[in-house]
Amino acid sequence: MATRLNITKTHKLYIKGAFPRSESGRSIVVNDAKGAVVAHVCRASRKDLREAVVAARGAQCGWSRRPAYNRGQILYRMAEMLEGKRTEFTEVIEAMAVKSVSRTGKKKTGKKKASLARTGNGGVKALSPLREVDASIDRLVAFAGWADKFSQVLGCNNAVNGPYYNFTVAEATGVTAVVTPDEPALLAMVSLIAPVVCSGGTVVAFASEREPMTACMFGEVCATSDVPAGVINILTGQRDELVPQIASHRDIDAIHAANLPKAQGQALRDGAPDSVKRVRVREIAASEWLDSDVCESPWWIEPFVEMKTIWHPSAT
């Protein structure tokens, strides 16, 4: 009888539609909830960040000029491909689930407890793995629907005194850095990326430090979903190393993050004035990630667009 070999995979970065290794040659060991080594991920360097920003900048013009309906089609295709890997994502998230910690501080052990949720916010029950994947699929579908509608909601026909038509329209800001919280790793990353891509912006996403494998797998979804090279770029590694670089990088136009440690959130804000970045660091409760009114609103798109006003002579 043949012996089955378990190959420990090294997940690569996702930059410009390809899967390069980190130029530094470094990697990080990924352990599951039981402490077993299940994979390695590349530890991105400052040069990797620069390469990702260059790729995002190069793709931004073409992506923003695509018809909004086509951007929606591609987001919907991403949802389809993610649904096709639903079981795989669920299994990985469950294997990586951090053991629950009760309010008394005692660890709850056993498969049943580990499969319920990763906990946060003082031990409040969070998402189950399957529910997180399903919510991520729904989130992509929601922003696919917004792609050709948000401009009408955020823009307007302005009343002016004179023989003119005056319109305000929303246009993508440019390159946005997405910094994902530790959990829920997949749903948070999708929720932070989708509004930017929907608007015509491009993304350099930094994966959850605790659960980076789902981000690497999401790169594979992007690669098979008609997403043009450079529109979405995904880095893995250590936030403390790259957050200061993200904050100070002059070719990053905006930052979208959530539930970061206080020092990292402040570092992103402190670096913004020098390069005139828009910075949105959200605080989202565990239950709110599932709330469509909170996370699927066009106001999640608004921070990543610029308003352009157009004057046109009228006949009267």
Foldseek 3Di string as FASTA:
>chain_A
DDDDDQDAEEFAWAAQLDGDAAPVPDWAFAAFQVRDTRHIYHAHALVNVVRLLVLQQVCLVVLQPPQLLVLLQLLLLLLVLLVVCLVVQLVLCLRRQHFQAALVRDTDDDSVRSQQARDDDRRPGFHGSNVLSVLLSVLSNLLSVCLNPLQPVPKDFDDDPDQKTKIKGWAFQEEEEEEEEQPPFRLRQSLLLSLNSSRSYAYEYEGRQSRRPNVSVSSVSSSPRPNGGSRYIYHYHDCVRCLLVQLQPLSHAEYTYEDDPPVSLVSNVVSCPVNVHHYDYYYADRVRSNPCVRRSDSVSNVSRIDMDMDIGGHPD
